[in-house]
């Protein structure tokens, strides 16, 4: 199997130091709007990574519902495994 056959061309933009904002959330909002404008499928999909009480990592896809000065908001079932992981260790990665 030659994985180079499925390669995409990522030349539509770049990251330049002069484009950076003081607030990283402002930059995130710019990127999110660009993804929406480009009509990418599921532009609000993101991966949440947690660890269980024994330190084993878990990842799952959730949908971004809001972003603000307090951070990122997504909804989940309060009885889900990820909530148990949050209770054991509130350090998560998006």
PDB file of N, CA and C in Angstrom:
ATOM      1  N   UNK A   1       0.847  -1.175   0.000  1.00  0.00           N
ATOM      2  CA  UNK A   1       0.000   0.000   0.000  1.00  0.00           C
ATOM      3  C   UNK A   1       0.894   1.240   0.000  1.00  0.00           C
ATOM      4  N   UNK A   2       0.598   2.158  -0.889  1.00  0.00           N
ATOM      5  CA  UNK A   2       1.363   3.401  -0.989  1.00  0.00           C
ATOM      6  C   UNK A   2       0.516   4.541  -0.428  1.00  0.00           C
ATOM      7  N   UNK A   3       0.792   4.950   0.790  1.00  0.00           N
ATOM      8  CA  UNK A   3      -0.006   5.992   1.441  1.00  0.00           C
ATOM      9  C   UNK A   3       0.184   7.359   0.809  1.00  0.00           C
ATOM     10  N   UNK A   4       1.236   7.540   0.028  1.00  0.00           N
ATOM     11  CA  UNK A   4       1.436   8.839  -0.623  1.00  0.00           C
ATOM     12  C   UNK A   4       0.352   9.124  -1.656  1.00  0.00           C
ATOM     13  N   UNK A   5      -0.367   8.087  -2.089  1.00  0.00           N
ATOM     14  CA  UNK A   5      -1.459   8.279  -3.049  1.00  0.00           C
ATOM     15  C   UNK A   5      -2.626   9.062  -2.457  1.00  0.00           C
ATOM     16  N   UNK A   6      -2.752   9.077  -1.140  1.00  0.00           N
ATOM     17  CA  UNK A   6      -3.874   9.774  -0.509  1.00  0.00           C
ATOM     18  C   UNK A   6      -3.443  11.096   0.123  1.00  0.00           C
ATOM     19  N   UNK A   7      -2.269  11.524  -0.198  1.00  0.00           N
ATOM     20  CA  UNK A   7      -1.747  12.775   0.355  1.00  0.00           C
ATOM     21  C   UNK A   7      -2.559  13.965  -0.139  1.00  0.00           C
ATOM     22  N   UNK A   8      -2.783  14.923   0.738  1.00  0.00           N
ATOM     23  CA  UNK A   8      -3.474  16.161   0.385  1.00  0.00           C
ATOM     24  C   UNK A   8      -2.459  17.284   0.240  1.00  0.00           C
ATOM     25  N   UNK A   9      -2.829  18.282  -0.523  1.00  0.00           N
ATOM     26  CA  UNK A   9      -1.992  19.463  -0.683  1.00  0.00           C
ATOM     27  C   UNK A   9      -2.443  20.507   0.337  1.00  0.00           C
ATOM     28  N   UNK A  10      -1.578  20.868   1.257  1.00  0.00           N
ATOM     29  CA  UNK A  10      -1.905  21.818   2.323  1.00  0.00           C
ATOM     30  C   UNK A  10      -1.257  23.177   2.066  1.00  0.00           C
ATOM     31  N   UNK A  11      -1.452  23.716   0.902  1.00  0.00           N
ATOM     32  CA  UNK A  11      -0.799  24.980   0.556  1.00  0.00           C
ATOM     33  C   UNK A  11      -1.749  26.171   0.594  1.00  0.00           C
ATOM     34  N   UNK A  12      -2.924  26.008   1.190  1.00  0.00           N
ATOM     35  CA  UNK A  12      -3.893  27.108   1.195  1.00  0.00           C
ATOM     36  C   UNK A  12      -3.564  28.184   2.212  1.00  0.00           C
ATOM     37  N   UNK A  13      -2.646  27.961   3.077  1.00  0.00           N
ATOM     38  CA  UNK A  13      -2.318  28.965   4.078  1.00  0.00           C
ATOM     39  C   UNK A  13      -1.092  28.545   4.849  1.00  0.00           C
ATOM     40  N   UNK A  14      -0.737  29.368   5.773  1.00  0.00           N
ATOM     41  CA  UNK A  14       0.417  29.078   6.599  1.00  0.00           C
ATOM     42  C   UNK A  14       0.307  29.833   7.903  1.00  0.00           C
ATOM     43  N   UNK A  15       1.285  29.668   8.720  1.00  0.00           N
ATOM     44  CA  UNK A  15       1.325  30.352  10.007  1.00  0.00           C
ATOM     45  C   UNK A  15       2.571  31.225  10.024  1.00  0.00           C
ATOM     46  N   UNK A  16       2.332  32.525  10.086  1.00  0.00           N
ATOM     47  CA  UNK A  16       3.443  33.470  10.147  1.00  0.00           C
ATOM     48  C   UNK A  16       3.399  34.189  11.489  1.00  0.00           C
ATOM     49  N   UNK A  17       4.549  34.479  12.026  1.00  0.00           N
ATOM     50  CA  UNK A  17       4.643  35.129  13.334  1.00  0.00           C
ATOM     51  C   UNK A  17       3.819  36.415  13.391  1.00  0.00           C
ATOM     52  N   UNK A  18       3.811  37.196  12.304  1.00  0.00           N
ATOM     53  CA  UNK A  18       3.078  38.468  12.307  1.00  0.00           C
ATOM     54  C   UNK A  18       1.560  38.271  12.326  1.00  0.00           C
ATOM     55  N   UNK A  19       1.088  37.053  12.054  1.00  0.00           N
ATOM     56  CA  UNK A  19      -0.348  36.772  12.096  1.00  0.00           C
ATOM     57  C   UNK A  19      -0.829  36.354  13.484  1.00  0.00           C
ATOM     58  N   UNK A  20       0.101  36.114  14.390  1.00  0.00           N
ATOM     59  CA  UNK A  20      -0.271  35.645  15.726  1.00  0.00           C
ATOM     60  C   UNK A  20      -0.938  36.760  16.523  1.00  0.00           C
ATOM     61  N   UNK A  21      -1.910  36.367  17.331  1.00  0.00           N
ATOM     62  CA  UNK A  21      -2.612  37.317  18.192  1.00  0.00           C
ATOM     63  C   UNK A  21      -2.119  37.153  19.623  1.00  0.00           C
ATOM     64  N   UNK A  22      -2.359  38.150  20.446  1.00  0.00           N
ATOM     65  CA  UNK A  22      -1.974  38.071  21.856  1.00  0.00           C
ATOM     66  C   UNK A  22      -2.771  36.985  22.574  1.00  0.00           C
ATOM     67  N   UNK A  23      -4.042  36.872  22.220  1.00  0.00           N
ATOM     68  CA  UNK A  23      -4.924  35.896  22.852  1.00  0.00           C
ATOM     69  C   UNK A  23      -5.060  34.682  21.930  1.00  0.00           C
ATOM     70  N   UNK A  24      -4.621  33.501  22.369  1.00  0.00           N
ATOM     71  CA  UNK A  24      -4.701  32.322  21.508  1.00  0.00           C
ATOM     72  C   UNK A  24      -6.135  31.968  21.117  1.00  0.00           C
ATOM     73  N   UNK A  25      -7.112  32.325  21.952  1.00  0.00           N
ATOM     74  CA  UNK A  25      -8.504  32.040  21.600  1.00  0.00           C
ATOM     75  C   UNK A  25      -8.949  32.858  20.391  1.00  0.00           C
ATOM     76  N   UNK A  26      -8.415  34.071  20.245  1.00  0.00           N
ATOM     77  CA  UNK A  26      -8.724  34.871  19.058  1.00  0.00           C
ATOM     78  C   UNK A  26      -8.227  34.167  17.799  1.00  0.00           C
ATOM     79  N   UNK A  27      -7.029  33.620  17.870  1.00  0.00           N
ATOM     80  CA  UNK A  27      -6.469  32.901  16.728  1.00  0.00           C
ATOM     81  C   UNK A  27      -7.277  31.633  16.449  1.00  0.00           C
ATOM     82  N   UNK A  28      -7.665  30.939  17.509  1.00  0.00           N
ATOM     83  CA  UNK A  28      -8.505  29.755  17.324  1.00  0.00           C
ATOM     84  C   UNK A  28      -9.798  30.120  16.599  1.00  0.00           C
ATOM     85  N   UNK A  29     -10.440  31.215  17.008  1.00  0.00           N
ATOM     86  CA  UNK A  29     -11.693  31.631  16.372  1.00  0.00           C
ATOM     87  C   UNK A  29     -11.498  31.955  14.891  1.00  0.00           C
ATOM     88  N   UNK A  30     -10.362  32.542  14.544  1.00  0.00           N
ATOM     89  CA  UNK A  30     -10.052  32.805  13.132  1.00  0.00           C
ATOM     90  C   UNK A  30      -9.957  31.482  12.375  1.00  0.00           C
ATOM     91  N   UNK A  31      -9.223  30.531  12.946  1.00  0.00           N
ATOM     92  CA  UNK A  31      -9.048  29.233  12.285  1.00  0.00           C
ATOM     93  C   UNK A  31     -10.372  28.485  12.167  1.00  0.00           C
ATOM     94  N   UNK A  32     -11.187  28.549  13.214  1.00  0.00           N
ATOM     95  CA  UNK A  32     -12.486  27.881  13.166  1.00  0.00           C
ATOM     96  C   UNK A  32     -13.352  28.486  12.066  1.00  0.00           C
ATOM     97  N   UNK A  33     -13.361  29.808  11.969  1.00  0.00           N
ATOM     98  CA  UNK A  33     -14.154  30.460  10.930  1.00  0.00           C
ATOM     99  C   UNK A  33     -13.644  30.086   9.541  1.00  0.00           C
ATOM    100  N   UNK A  34     -12.325  29.968   9.385  1.00  0.00           N
ATOM    101  CA  UNK A  34     -11.765  29.541   8.099  1.00  0.00           C
ATOM    102  C   UNK A  34     -12.223  28.123   7.751  1.00  0.00           C
ATOM    103  N   UNK A  35     -12.265  27.249   8.743  1.00  0.00           N
ATOM    104  CA  UNK A  35     -12.719  25.873   8.509  1.00  0.00           C
ATOM    105  C   UNK A  35     -14.193  25.845   8.128  1.00  0.00           C
ATOM    106  N   UNK A  36     -14.998  26.683   8.791  1.00  0.00           N
ATOM    107  CA  UNK A  36     -16.425  26.767   8.465  1.00  0.00           C
ATOM    108  C   UNK A  36     -16.604  27.318   7.058  1.00  0.00           C
ATOM    109  N   UNK A  37     -15.885  28.402   6.743  1.00  0.00           N
ATOM    110  CA  UNK A  37     -15.984  29.018   5.412  1.00  0.00           C
ATOM    111  C   UNK A  37     -15.554  28.059   4.303  1.00  0.00           C
ATOM    112  N   UNK A  38     -14.587  27.200   4.598  1.00  0.00           N
ATOM    113  CA  UNK A  38     -14.111  26.218   3.616  1.00  0.00           C
ATOM    114  C   UNK A  38     -15.054  25.021   3.506  1.00  0.00           C
ATOM    115  N   UNK A  39     -16.104  25.034   4.308  1.00  0.00           N
ATOM    116  CA  UNK A  39     -17.111  23.972   4.328  1.00  0.00           C
ATOM    117  C   UNK A  39     -16.496  22.603   4.594  1.00  0.00           C
ATOM    118  N   UNK A  40     -15.531  22.583   5.517  1.00  0.00           N
ATOM    119  CA  UNK A  40     -14.966  21.306   5.933  1.00  0.00           C
ATOM    120  C   UNK A  40     -16.029  20.527   6.687  1.00  0.00           C
ATOM    121  N   UNK A  41     -15.988  19.216   6.577  1.00  0.00           N
ATOM    122  CA  UNK A  41     -16.964  18.415   7.309  1.00  0.00           C
ATOM    123  C   UNK A  41     -16.625  18.445   8.796  1.00  0.00           C
ATOM    124  N   UNK A  42     -17.629  18.690   9.602  1.00  0.00           N
ATOM    125  CA  UNK A  42     -17.507  18.715  11.063  1.00  0.00           C
ATOM    126  C   UNK A  42     -16.378  19.614  11.576  1.00  0.00           C
ATOM    127  N   UNK A  43     -16.406  20.897  11.269  1.00  0.00           N
ATOM    128  CA  UNK A  43     -15.327  21.784  11.717  1.00  0.00           C
ATOM    129  C   UNK A  43     -15.266  21.956  13.235  1.00  0.00           C
ATOM    130  N   UNK A  44     -16.324  21.574  13.946  1.00  0.00           N
ATOM    131  CA  UNK A  44     -16.303  21.701  15.406  1.00  0.00           C
ATOM    132  C   UNK A  44     -15.919  20.394  16.095  1.00  0.00           C
ATOM    133  N   UNK A  45     -15.603  19.360  15.331  1.00  0.00           N
ATOM    134  CA  UNK A  45     -15.180  18.093  15.929  1.00  0.00           C
ATOM    135  C   UNK A  45     -13.784  18.255  16.522  1.00  0.00           C
ATOM    136  N   UNK A  46     -13.604  17.699  17.705  1.00  0.00           N
ATOM    137  CA  UNK A  46     -12.297  17.771  18.360  1.00  0.00           C
ATOM    138  C   UNK A  46     -12.089  16.507  19.176  1.00  0.00           C
ATOM    139  N   UNK A  47     -10.849  16.193  19.450  1.00  0.00           N
ATOM    140  CA  UNK A  47     -10.503  15.021  20.240  1.00  0.00           C
ATOM    141  C   UNK A  47     -10.250  15.441  21.677  1.00  0.00           C
ATOM    142  N   UNK A  48     -10.904  14.756  22.608  1.00  0.00           N
ATOM    143  CA  UNK A  48     -10.667  14.969  24.033  1.00  0.00           C
ATOM    144  C   UNK A  48      -9.881  13.768  24.541  1.00  0.00           C
ATOM    145  N   UNK A  49      -8.760  14.028  25.175  1.00  0.00           N
ATOM    146  CA  UNK A  49      -7.929  12.958  25.721  1.00  0.00           C
ATOM    147  C   UNK A  49      -7.937  13.047  27.241  1.00  0.00           C
ATOM    148  N   UNK A  50      -8.165  11.896  27.878  1.00  0.00           N
ATOM    149  CA  UNK A  50      -8.164  11.797  29.337  1.00  0.00           C
ATOM    150  C   UNK A  50      -7.312  10.596  29.725  1.00  0.00           C
ATOM    151  N   UNK A  51      -7.106  10.438  31.021  1.00  0.00           N
ATOM    152  CA  UNK A  51      -6.490   9.219  31.536  1.00  0.00           C
ATOM    153  C   UNK A  51      -7.371   8.680  32.647  1.00  0.00           C
ATOM    154  N   UNK A  52      -7.390   7.355  32.774  1.00  0.00           N
ATOM    155  CA  UNK A  52      -8.178   6.762  33.846  1.00  0.00           C
ATOM    156  C   UNK A  52      -7.368   6.764  35.139  1.00  0.00           C
ATOM    157  N   UNK A  53      -7.932   6.178  36.192  1.00  0.00           N
ATOM    158  CA  UNK A  53      -7.277   6.207  37.506  1.00  0.00           C
ATOM    159  C   UNK A  53      -5.958   5.446  37.521  1.00  0.00           C
ATOM    160  N   UNK A  54      -5.727   4.591  36.531  1.00  0.00           N
ATOM    161  CA  UNK A  54      -4.472   3.844  36.442  1.00  0.00           C
ATOM    162  C   UNK A  54      -3.504   4.458  35.437  1.00  0.00           C
ATOM    163  N   UNK A  55      -3.850   5.641  34.913  1.00  0.00           N
ATOM    164  CA  UNK A  55      -2.963   6.339  34.002  1.00  0.00           C
ATOM    165  C   UNK A  55      -3.057   5.914  32.549  1.00  0.00           C
ATOM    166  N   UNK A  56      -4.046   5.082  32.202  1.00  0.00           N
ATOM    167  CA  UNK A  56      -4.216   4.660  30.808  1.00  0.00           C
ATOM    168  C   UNK A  56      -4.917   5.767  30.027  1.00  0.00           C
ATOM    169  N   UNK A  57      -4.380   6.131  28.861  1.00  0.00           N
ATOM    170  CA  UNK A  57      -4.980   7.217  28.076  1.00  0.00           C
ATOM    171  C   UNK A  57      -6.191   6.743  27.273  1.00  0.00           C
ATOM    172  N   UNK A  58      -7.135   7.659  27.112  1.00  0.00           N
ATOM    173  CA  UNK A  58      -8.327   7.432  26.291  1.00  0.00           C
ATOM    174  C   UNK A  58      -8.587   8.691  25.480  1.00  0.00           C
ATOM    175  N   UNK A  59      -9.019   8.504  24.251  1.00  0.00           N
ATOM    176  CA  UNK A  59      -9.387   9.631  23.398  1.00  0.00           C
ATOM    177  C   UNK A  59     -10.762   9.348  22.818  1.00  0.00           C
ATOM    178  N   UNK A  60     -11.505  10.420  22.609  1.00  0.00           N
ATOM    179  CA  UNK A  60     -12.789  10.312  21.937  1.00  0.00           C
ATOM    180  C   UNK A  60     -13.083  11.622  21.238  1.00  0.00           C
ATOM    181  N   UNK A  61     -13.975  11.565  20.251  1.00  0.00           N
ATOM    182  CA  UNK A  61     -14.357  12.745  19.485  1.00  0.00           C
ATOM    183  C   UNK A  61     -15.594  13.356  20.129  1.00  0.00           C
ATOM    184  N   UNK A  62     -15.558  14.658  20.345  1.00  0.00           N
ATOM    185  CA  UNK A  62     -16.710  15.417  20.841  1.00  0.00           C
ATOM    186  C   UNK A  62     -16.880  16.627  19.928  1.00  0.00           C
ATOM    187  N   UNK A  63     -18.014  17.298  20.055  1.00  0.00           N
ATOM    188  CA  UNK A  63     -18.278  18.481  19.243  1.00  0.00           C
ATOM    189  C   UNK A  63     -18.189  19.736  20.095  1.00  0.00           C
ATOM    190  N   UNK A  64     -17.457  20.701  19.614  1.00  0.00           N
ATOM    191  CA  UNK A  64     -17.332  21.994  20.275  1.00  0.00           C
ATOM    192  C   UNK A  64     -18.680  22.697  20.229  1.00  0.00           C
ATOM    193  N   UNK A  65     -19.160  23.170  21.382  1.00  0.00           N
ATOM    194  CA  UNK A  65     -20.437  23.880  21.448  1.00  0.00           C
ATOM    195  C   UNK A  65     -20.254  25.373  21.662  1.00  0.00           C
ATOM    196  N   UNK A  66     -19.147  25.774  22.269  1.00  0.00           N
ATOM    197  CA  UNK A  66     -18.887  27.196  22.507  1.00  0.00           C
ATOM    198  C   UNK A  66     -17.410  27.358  22.854  1.00  0.00           C
ATOM    199  N   UNK A  67     -16.912  28.563  22.644  1.00  0.00           N
ATOM    200  CA  UNK A  67     -15.553  28.907  23.050  1.00  0.00           C
ATOM    201  C   UNK A  67     -15.585  30.342  23.545  1.00  0.00           C
ATOM    202  N   UNK A  68     -14.946  30.573  24.676  1.00  0.00           N
ATOM    203  CA  UNK A  68     -14.929  31.912  25.258  1.00  0.00           C
ATOM    204  C   UNK A  68     -13.733  32.075  26.164  1.00  0.00           C
ATOM    205  N   UNK A  69     -13.720  33.149  26.920  1.00  0.00           N
ATOM    206  CA  UNK A  69     -12.585  33.428  27.802  1.00  0.00           C
ATOM    207  C   UNK A  69     -12.361  32.328  28.837  1.00  0.00           C
ATOM    208  N   UNK A  70     -13.426  31.585  29.166  1.00  0.00           N
ATOM    209  CA  UNK A  70     -13.298  30.496  30.133  1.00  0.00           C
ATOM    210  C   UNK A  70     -12.809  29.200  29.498  1.00  0.00           C
ATOM    211  N   UNK A  71     -12.699  29.181  28.178  1.00  0.00           N
ATOM    212  CA  UNK A  71     -12.204  27.993  27.506  1.00  0.00           C
ATOM    213  C   UNK A  71     -13.209  27.396  26.546  1.00  0.00           C
ATOM    214  N   UNK A  72     -13.060  26.106  26.305  1.00  0.00           N
ATOM    215  CA  UNK A  72     -13.857  25.384  25.320  1.00  0.00           C
ATOM    216  C   UNK A  72     -14.993  24.645  26.014  1.00  0.00           C
ATOM    217  N   UNK A  73     -16.159  24.613  25.375  1.00  0.00           N
ATOM    218  CA  UNK A  73     -17.335  23.953  25.940  1.00  0.00           C
ATOM    219  C   UNK A  73     -17.768  22.832  25.005  1.00  0.00           C
ATOM    220  N   UNK A  74     -17.972  21.653  25.585  1.00  0.00           N
ATOM    221  CA  UNK A  74     -18.595  20.547  24.863  1.00  0.00           C
ATOM    222  C   UNK A  74     -19.523  19.855  25.842  1.00  0.00           C
ATOM    223  N   UNK A  75     -20.517  19.156  25.314  1.00  0.00           N
ATOM    224  CA  UNK A  75     -21.491  18.462  26.152  1.00  0.00           C
ATOM    225  C   UNK A  75     -21.173  16.977  26.159  1.00  0.00           C
ATOM    226  N   UNK A  76     -21.525  16.337  27.266  1.00  0.00           N
ATOM    227  CA  UNK A  76     -21.318  14.903  27.361  1.00  0.00           C
ATOM    228  C   UNK A  76     -22.352  14.309  28.301  1.00  0.00           C
ATOM    229  N   UNK A  77     -22.512  13.021  28.231  1.00  0.00           N
ATOM    230  CA  UNK A  77     -23.390  12.287  29.128  1.00  0.00           C
ATOM    231  C   UNK A  77     -22.712  12.224  30.498  1.00  0.00           C
ATOM    232  N   UNK A  78     -23.415  12.658  31.533  1.00  0.00           N
ATOM    233  CA  UNK A  78     -22.808  12.696  32.869  1.00  0.00           C
ATOM    234  C   UNK A  78     -22.488  11.312  33.416  1.00  0.00           C
ATOM    235  N   UNK A  79     -23.016  10.275  32.799  1.00  0.00           N
ATOM    236  CA  UNK A  79     -22.705   8.915  33.217  1.00  0.00           C
ATOM    237  C   UNK A  79     -21.629   8.261  32.371  1.00  0.00           C
ATOM    238  N   UNK A  80     -20.987   9.036  31.511  1.00  0.00           N
ATOM    239  CA  UNK A  80     -19.999   8.466  30.588  1.00  0.00           C
ATOM    240  C   UNK A  80     -18.663   8.200  31.273  1.00  0.00           C
ATOM    241  N   UNK A  81     -17.857   7.373  30.629  1.00  0.00           N
ATOM    242  CA  UNK A  81     -16.532   7.046  31.145  1.00  0.00           C
ATOM    243  C   UNK A  81     -15.658   8.292  31.247  1.00  0.00           C
ATOM    244  N   UNK A  82     -15.800   9.223  30.282  1.00  0.00           N
ATOM    245  CA  UNK A  82     -14.940  10.413  30.320  1.00  0.00           C
ATOM    246  C   UNK A  82     -15.211  11.252  31.555  1.00  0.00           C
ATOM    247  N   UNK A  83     -16.468  11.285  32.021  1.00  0.00           N
ATOM    248  CA  UNK A  83     -16.781  12.037  33.242  1.00  0.00           C
ATOM    249  C   UNK A  83     -16.090  11.396  34.440  1.00  0.00           C
ATOM    250  N   UNK A  84     -16.071  10.081  34.487  1.00  0.00           N
ATOM    251  CA  UNK A  84     -15.339   9.398  35.563  1.00  0.00           C
ATOM    252  C   UNK A  84     -13.857   9.752  35.505  1.00  0.00           C
ATOM    253  N   UNK A  85     -13.310   9.820  34.297  1.00  0.00           N
ATOM    254  CA  UNK A  85     -11.904  10.209  34.147  1.00  0.00           C
ATOM    255  C   UNK A  85     -11.699  11.646  34.618  1.00  0.00           C
ATOM    256  N   UNK A  86     -12.633  12.552  34.285  1.00  0.00           N
ATOM    257  CA  UNK A  86     -12.527  13.952  34.729  1.00  0.00           C
ATOM    258  C   UNK A  86     -12.499  14.023  36.245  1.00  0.00           C
ATOM    259  N   UNK A  87     -13.314  13.185  36.889  1.00  0.00           N
ATOM    260  CA  UNK A  87     -13.372  13.199  38.351  1.00  0.00           C
ATOM    261  C   UNK A  87     -12.069  12.703  38.958  1.00  0.00           C
ATOM    262  N   UNK A  88     -11.440  11.721  38.320  1.00  0.00           N
ATOM    263  CA  UNK A  88     -10.158  11.198  38.805  1.00  0.00           C
ATOM    264  C   UNK A  88      -9.010  12.157  38.525  1.00  0.00           C
ATOM    265  N   UNK A  89      -9.060  12.817  37.356  1.00  0.00           N
ATOM    266  CA  UNK A  89      -7.964  13.682  36.940  1.00  0.00           C
ATOM    267  C   UNK A  89      -8.536  14.742  36.001  1.00  0.00           C
ATOM    268  N   UNK A  90      -8.627  15.969  36.476  1.00  0.00           N
ATOM    269  CA  UNK A  90      -9.243  17.056  35.699  1.00  0.00           C
ATOM    270  C   UNK A  90      -8.343  17.575  34.578  1.00  0.00           C
ATOM    271  N   UNK A  91      -7.120  17.079  34.480  1.00  0.00           N
ATOM    272  CA  UNK A  91      -6.221  17.494  33.397  1.00  0.00           C
ATOM    273  C   UNK A  91      -6.583  16.727  32.136  1.00  0.00           C
ATOM    274  N   UNK A  92      -7.093  17.455  31.140  1.00  0.00           N
ATOM    275  CA  UNK A  92      -7.450  16.829  29.875  1.00  0.00           C
ATOM    276  C   UNK A  92      -6.733  17.565  28.752  1.00  0.00           C
ATOM    277  N   UNK A  93      -6.768  16.963  27.590  1.00  0.00           N
ATOM    278  CA  UNK A  93      -6.155  17.580  26.414  1.00  0.00           C
ATOM    279  C   UNK A  93      -7.183  17.631  25.301  1.00  0.00           C
ATOM    280  N   UNK A  94      -7.192  18.765  24.582  1.00  0.00           N
ATOM    281  CA  UNK A  94      -8.056  18.899  23.398  1.00  0.00           C
ATOM    282  C   UNK A  94      -7.179  18.924  22.171  1.00  0.00           C
TER     283      UNK A  94
END
